[in-house]
Protein backbone atom coordinates (compact mmCIF):
# COMPACT_ATOMS: atom_id res chain seq x y z
CA MET A 1 83.60 69.34 121.03
CA PRO A 2 83.66 71.92 118.22
CA ASP A 3 85.68 71.49 115.04
CA PHE A 4 88.71 73.75 114.84
CA GLN A 5 89.68 75.30 111.55
CA THR A 6 93.24 74.73 110.29
CA GLY A 7 95.30 77.22 108.34
CA GLN A 8 95.75 74.83 105.41
CA ALA A 9 92.11 73.89 104.76
CA ILE A 10 91.30 77.27 103.20
CA SER A 11 90.65 78.04 99.54
CA VAL A 12 90.44 81.43 97.82
CA ASP A 13 88.35 81.89 94.67
CA TYR A 14 87.67 85.10 92.75
CA LEU A 15 85.65 86.41 89.84
CA ALA A 16 85.26 89.77 88.12
CA GLU A 17 82.08 91.63 89.02
CA THR A 18 79.52 92.74 86.45
CA VAL A 19 78.16 95.34 88.87
CA PHE A 20 80.55 96.97 91.32
CA ASN A 21 80.25 95.62 94.87
CA THR A 22 77.74 92.93 93.84
CA LEU A 23 78.48 89.21 93.95
CA PRO A 24 78.71 87.85 90.38
CA ALA A 25 77.29 84.50 89.30
CA ALA A 26 78.40 81.47 91.31
CA THR A 27 79.97 79.85 88.24
CA GLY A 28 83.08 80.88 86.30
CA SER A 29 85.39 81.72 89.21
CA ARG A 30 89.13 81.07 89.35
CA ARG A 31 91.20 79.57 92.16
CA PHE A 32 93.99 81.73 93.60
CA ARG A 33 97.05 79.50 94.06
CA LEU A 34 97.89 80.78 97.51
CA THR A 35 101.12 80.93 99.48
CA GLY A 36 100.06 83.50 102.06
CA GLY A 37 98.19 86.62 102.93
CA GLY A 38 94.49 87.14 103.48
CA LEU A 39 91.84 89.84 103.42
CA VAL A 40 90.87 91.73 106.54
CA PRO A 41 87.24 92.76 107.19
CA GLY A 42 87.76 96.08 108.92
CA SER A 43 85.84 99.12 110.10
CA ASP A 44 86.94 102.57 111.14
CA VAL A 45 86.47 103.17 114.86
CA ILE A 46 84.67 106.37 115.90
CA GLU A 47 85.75 107.23 119.40
CA SER A 48 83.52 109.31 121.64
CA ALA A 49 84.94 112.69 122.65
CA GLU A 50 82.43 113.06 125.47
CA PHE A 51 83.76 114.53 128.73
CA ARG A 52 82.02 112.39 131.33
CA GLY A 53 83.50 113.81 134.50
CA ASP A 54 84.26 110.36 135.92
CA GLY A 55 87.57 109.75 134.13
CA GLN A 56 86.05 107.09 131.84
CA THR A 57 84.99 106.90 128.19
CA SER A 58 81.85 105.81 126.38
CA LEU A 59 81.79 102.90 123.95
CA PRO A 60 83.02 103.68 120.43
CA ARG A 61 80.93 103.24 117.27
CA LEU A 62 81.97 101.57 114.05
CA GLY A 63 82.26 103.71 110.93
CA MET A 64 83.10 103.01 107.30
CA LYS A 65 83.77 99.43 106.34
CA ALA A 66 86.94 98.54 104.42
CA VAL A 67 88.52 95.39 103.04
CA THR A 68 92.32 95.49 103.21
CA GLY A 69 95.18 93.03 102.81
CA GLY A 70 96.00 90.87 99.84
CA TYR A 71 97.16 87.48 98.57
CA ALA A 72 100.58 86.14 97.62
CA GLY A 73 101.41 83.28 95.30
CA GLU A 74 104.09 81.71 93.13
CA LEU A 75 104.01 82.98 89.57
CA SER A 76 102.67 80.42 87.09
CA VAL A 77 101.38 80.74 83.53
CA GLY A 78 97.72 81.75 83.29
CA THR A 79 96.96 81.76 87.01
CA TYR A 80 96.69 85.49 87.65
CA ASP A 81 95.98 86.88 84.17
CA PRO A 82 92.63 88.55 85.10
CA LEU A 83 94.34 90.24 88.04
CA PHE A 84 97.19 91.46 85.81
CA GLU A 85 94.55 93.02 83.54
CA ALA A 86 93.06 94.84 86.53
CA LEU A 87 96.50 95.95 87.70
CA LEU A 88 97.43 97.47 84.34
CA ARG A 89 93.85 98.66 83.69
CA GLY A 90 94.19 97.20 80.19
CA THR A 91 93.09 94.15 78.18
CA TRP A 92 95.05 91.17 76.87
CA THR A 93 95.45 91.23 73.09
CA THR A 94 96.32 88.33 70.77
CA GLU A 95 99.24 88.46 68.36
CA VAL A 96 99.60 85.94 65.50
CA ALA A 97 103.28 86.19 64.55
CA PRO A 98 104.81 85.27 66.86
CA ALA A 99 101.95 83.62 68.75
CA SER A 100 101.57 85.60 71.96
CA ASN A 101 99.28 87.62 74.19
CA THR A 102 100.21 91.15 75.17
CA LEU A 103 99.07 93.38 78.01
CA LEU A 104 99.76 97.12 78.27
CA PRO A 105 98.20 99.91 80.35
CA ALA A 106 95.25 101.14 78.32
CA THR A 107 95.05 104.73 77.10
CA THR A 108 91.44 104.69 78.29
CA MET A 109 91.69 102.93 81.63
CA VAL A 110 89.51 99.87 82.25
CA ASN A 111 88.61 99.67 85.95
CA ARG A 112 87.73 96.14 87.08
CA SER A 113 86.39 94.98 90.41
CA PHE A 114 86.29 91.48 91.87
CA SER A 115 84.55 89.40 94.50
CA PHE A 116 86.81 87.15 96.56
CA GLU A 117 85.67 84.21 98.65
CA GLU A 118 87.69 82.63 101.46
CA TYR A 119 86.19 79.24 102.25
CA ARG A 120 87.15 77.41 105.44
CA SER A 121 86.13 73.82 104.80
CA VAL A 122 86.49 72.43 108.33
CA ILE A 123 83.90 74.80 109.79
CA ASN A 124 82.01 75.27 106.47
CA GLU A 125 82.38 79.06 106.64
CA SER A 126 82.46 81.45 103.71
CA LEU A 127 83.77 85.01 103.94
CA ARG A 128 82.76 86.98 100.86
CA TYR A 129 84.47 90.24 99.95
CA THR A 130 82.91 92.46 97.30
CA GLY A 131 83.85 95.64 95.47
CA CYS A 132 87.54 94.73 95.51
CA ARG A 133 90.05 96.41 93.24
CA ILE A 134 93.71 95.48 92.76
CA SER A 135 95.72 98.26 94.37
CA SER A 136 99.25 96.95 93.83
CA CYS A 137 101.36 93.95 92.94
CA ARG A 138 104.90 93.17 93.98
CA PHE A 139 106.87 90.96 91.57
CA SER A 140 109.89 89.17 93.09
CA LEU A 141 112.58 87.08 91.42
CA PRO A 142 115.24 85.81 93.86
CA ALA A 143 118.06 83.63 92.56
CA ASN A 144 117.55 79.86 92.89
CA ALA A 145 113.94 80.25 94.01
CA ALA A 146 110.41 80.65 92.68
CA ALA A 147 109.18 83.89 91.16
CA THR A 148 106.38 85.32 93.29
CA VAL A 149 103.59 87.86 93.12
CA ASP A 150 101.93 89.65 96.03
CA PHE A 151 98.68 91.47 95.24
CA GLY A 152 97.50 94.32 97.42
CA ILE A 153 93.70 94.62 97.50
CA LEU A 154 91.30 97.30 98.69
CA GLY A 155 87.62 96.40 98.89
CA THR A 156 84.25 97.75 99.92
CA ASN A 157 82.11 95.23 101.81
CA TYR A 158 82.12 91.78 103.40
CA THR A 159 79.60 89.17 104.51
CA ARG A 160 79.77 85.82 106.27
CA ALA A 161 77.73 82.77 105.26
CA THR A 162 77.55 79.03 105.79
CA GLY A 163 78.56 76.96 102.78
CA LYS A 164 80.63 77.75 99.72
CA TYR A 165 79.34 80.26 97.16
CA PHE A 166 81.58 79.84 94.10
CA THR A 167 81.16 76.47 92.38
CA THR A 168 83.67 74.55 90.23
CA PRO A 169 86.42 77.19 90.14
CA THR A 170 89.00 76.92 87.36
CA THR A 171 92.43 75.90 88.65
CA THR A 172 95.54 76.18 86.47
CA ALA A 173 97.90 73.22 86.52
CA THR A 174 101.01 74.97 85.19
CA SER A 175 104.25 74.70 87.17
CA ASN A 176 105.59 77.51 89.29
CA LEU A 177 108.15 79.64 87.46
CA VAL A 178 111.68 79.67 88.88
CA ALA A 179 114.71 81.89 88.50
CA VAL A 180 116.91 79.19 86.94
CA ASP A 181 114.59 79.31 83.90
CA ALA A 182 114.79 83.09 83.64
CA VAL A 183 116.77 85.43 81.40
CA VAL A 184 117.28 89.06 82.41
CA LEU A 185 118.15 91.75 79.89
CA TYR A 186 119.45 95.07 81.15
CA ASN A 187 119.93 97.79 78.55
CA SER A 188 119.22 95.00 75.99
CA LEU A 189 122.22 92.93 77.19
CA ALA A 190 122.19 89.75 79.28
CA PHE A 191 122.46 90.58 82.99
CA VAL A 192 124.25 87.43 84.17
CA SER A 193 125.36 88.67 87.61
CA MET A 194 121.92 89.56 89.02
CA THR A 195 121.12 87.86 92.33
CA SER A 196 117.62 89.23 92.95
CA ALA A 197 115.06 91.64 91.58
CA ASP A 198 111.75 92.94 92.81
CA PHE A 199 109.46 95.77 91.85
CA THR A 200 105.99 96.98 92.76
CA VAL A 201 103.30 98.32 90.47
CA ASP A 202 101.23 100.61 92.68
CA LEU A 203 97.89 102.20 91.80
CA ARG A 204 97.58 103.75 95.29
CA ALA A 205 93.91 102.83 95.65
CA ALA A 206 91.80 104.69 98.20
CA ASN A 207 88.25 104.69 99.51
CA GLN A 208 86.08 107.66 100.51
CA ALA A 209 83.73 108.09 103.46
CA VAL A 210 80.32 109.59 102.69
CA ILE A 211 77.39 110.69 104.84
CA GLY A 212 74.59 108.17 105.27
CA SER A 213 76.47 104.96 104.49
CA ARG A 214 79.15 102.71 105.95
CA LEU A 215 80.34 101.88 102.43
CA THR A 216 82.60 103.84 100.11
CA PRO A 217 80.85 104.59 96.79
CA ASP A 218 83.85 103.20 94.88
CA ILE A 219 87.50 102.27 95.16
CA PHE A 220 89.50 105.03 93.50
CA THR A 221 92.85 104.29 91.84
CA SER A 222 95.48 106.89 91.00
CA ALA A 223 98.38 107.33 88.57
CA MET A 224 100.51 104.19 88.30
CA ARG A 225 103.90 104.19 89.99
CA ILE A 226 106.55 101.50 89.60
CA SER A 227 109.60 101.20 91.83
CA GLY A 228 111.88 98.39 92.89
CA SER A 229 115.47 97.27 93.20
CA VAL A 230 117.99 94.88 91.71
CA SER A 231 120.94 93.22 93.43
CA ALA A 232 123.99 91.94 91.59
CA VAL A 233 127.55 90.74 92.03
CA ARG A 234 129.76 93.78 91.57
CA SER A 235 131.96 93.36 88.49
CA ASP A 236 132.54 96.61 86.64
CA ALA A 237 131.57 100.26 86.64
CA SER A 238 128.59 100.03 84.26
CA LEU A 239 125.82 100.11 86.89
CA LEU A 240 127.53 102.89 88.83
CA THR A 241 128.14 104.88 85.65
CA GLN A 242 124.51 104.71 84.57
CA TYR A 243 123.33 105.66 88.05
CA PHE A 244 125.60 108.70 88.15
CA ALA A 245 124.60 109.73 84.61
CA GLU A 246 120.83 109.32 85.26
CA THR A 247 120.67 107.04 82.23
CA ALA A 248 117.24 105.62 81.39
CA VAL A 249 117.49 101.97 80.26
CA PRO A 250 115.10 99.03 79.69
CA LEU A 251 114.92 96.08 82.10
CA GLN A 252 113.32 92.85 80.88
CA PHE A 253 112.59 89.52 82.57
CA THR A 254 111.77 86.38 80.57
CA ILE A 255 110.64 83.46 82.72
CA THR A 256 109.83 80.18 80.99
CA ASP A 257 107.76 77.18 81.95
CA PRO A 258 109.70 74.39 80.17
CA ALA A 259 106.86 71.87 80.49
CA ALA A 260 104.23 74.16 78.94
CA ALA A 261 106.70 75.85 76.55
CA ILE A 262 105.21 79.22 77.49
CA SER A 263 107.05 82.26 78.82
CA TYR A 264 106.12 85.47 80.57
CA ILE A 265 108.11 88.44 79.33
CA ILE A 266 107.88 91.40 81.70
CA LEU A 267 109.35 94.58 80.26
CA LEU A 268 110.01 97.82 82.10
CA PRO A 269 111.05 99.89 79.08
CA SER A 270 112.44 102.87 80.94
CA ILE A 271 113.96 102.67 84.41
CA ARG A 272 116.39 104.97 86.21
CA PHE A 273 118.53 103.95 89.17
CA THR A 274 117.97 106.18 92.19
CA GLY A 275 120.68 104.94 94.57
CA LEU A 276 123.33 102.32 95.32
CA THR A 277 124.08 100.32 98.46
CA PRO A 278 127.48 98.57 98.53
CA GLY A 279 128.11 95.21 100.20
CA LEU A 280 131.23 96.01 102.19
CA GLY A 281 132.58 93.47 104.66
CA THR A 282 130.54 90.48 103.52
CA ASP A 283 131.94 87.00 102.93
CA GLY A 284 132.02 85.90 99.31
CA PRO A 285 131.28 88.28 96.43
CA GLU A 286 130.27 91.87 97.01
CA ILE A 287 126.56 92.26 96.32
CA VAL A 288 125.39 95.75 95.43
CA THR A 289 121.76 96.84 95.53
CA LEU A 290 120.34 99.56 93.32
CA PRO A 291 116.80 100.93 93.79
CA PHE A 292 115.06 102.19 90.68
CA SER A 293 111.93 103.90 89.45
CA ALA A 294 110.19 103.34 86.13
CA GLY A 295 108.57 105.87 83.82
CA TYR A 296 106.42 106.06 80.71
CA ASP A 297 108.03 105.02 77.43
CA ALA A 298 106.43 106.36 74.26
CA THR A 299 107.86 103.65 72.00
CA THR A 300 106.42 100.82 74.09
CA GLY A 301 103.26 102.75 74.92
CA GLY A 302 103.42 102.33 78.69
CA MET A 303 105.47 101.96 81.84
CA ILE A 304 105.22 98.16 81.77
CA LYS A 305 104.42 95.51 79.19
CA ILE A 306 103.60 91.87 79.92
CA THR A 307 103.79 89.34 77.11
CA ARG A 308 102.69 85.72 77.28
CA ASP A 309 104.92 84.07 74.66
CA LEU A 310 103.28 80.90 73.38
CA THR A 311 106.29 79.78 71.31
CA ALA A 312 108.95 79.37 74.02
C-alpha cells in the first residue's frame, strides 16, 4: 500500500538566488513559518483552433510555464526579513542610536529573486520553484489576534525531485506578534479605537512570453502601490472630517515581541482615505471601515518604512 502525504508534513524553505532562475547553493536557506498557501506549477494552455468537420477538437498544447500563488504566515521578528527586502526593493541598514535596522524602498531598485522548495516528507518529494520574485504582501492586524503576512509570488520554472535539496535551513524561534502588544498612531496620535487594519504592498509583477522558450526571460515588477483599510469604533467626526477634506496623514504600527524586546515599526507616512462604510444596524458599537491609499512622502523618503527596533 502506498504512503499518503498529509497536509501537515510539508516544509517550505527559501534562499535568494545568485543567478536568476538558477538554484542557489544547498546551504544557507531559511524556513518559512507557514500557516497556509502554496505555489502552483502552471502552464498556459494553447487550444487548437482547427475546424475538424466532425464536431470535435484536437488535444491542446502547453505553453509558457508560470509559478503562481504565495505563502502566508504569522508575523514574527526576523522570519521574513529577506522577503521584506525584496518587497521594498531596498536593503536593511543599521542605525546605532537608537539601535535599530531600517528598510526603505531604494532610489535605485534592487531586484531579488528566490528559489523556494516545498518538501513533502512522507513521500520524500521535493518541488523546487526557481526565478521567483515577491509580487505583493498583505499585512493584517486584527484585534485580539496574531499579526499576519501573506506574500504573493510569481516565478519562472519548477522541477520535481526525490529527496530534499536545501540542508539545515535557519529557523527563527521568535514568538508570533499579536495585536494586544501593538500601538497604532494615526496622524501622530494614539488610535485607541481601531479594531482591525490591513494593507497590501503590490509590485504588480508580470511575466512575458517569448518565441522559442516556455520560460519568461524575467519577472518584471512595476511601480509600487499600497492600499488597505482600517476599521474602528465610531466616536467622533475626526475620521470623517479628514476623509471629506482629502487630508494626507501618517499611519504607524508598532508591534512588540515582549520576550525578545524587539519591535517592528511599520510606517505609512502619507495615506489618504478614499471612502467610508458605516456599521448601521449592528449589535454593540458601530464599526466604520475606511479604505485608504498611500503615496510617496519626501520627508521619509518612500511610501513605506519598516524599522526593527532593537531597544523595545
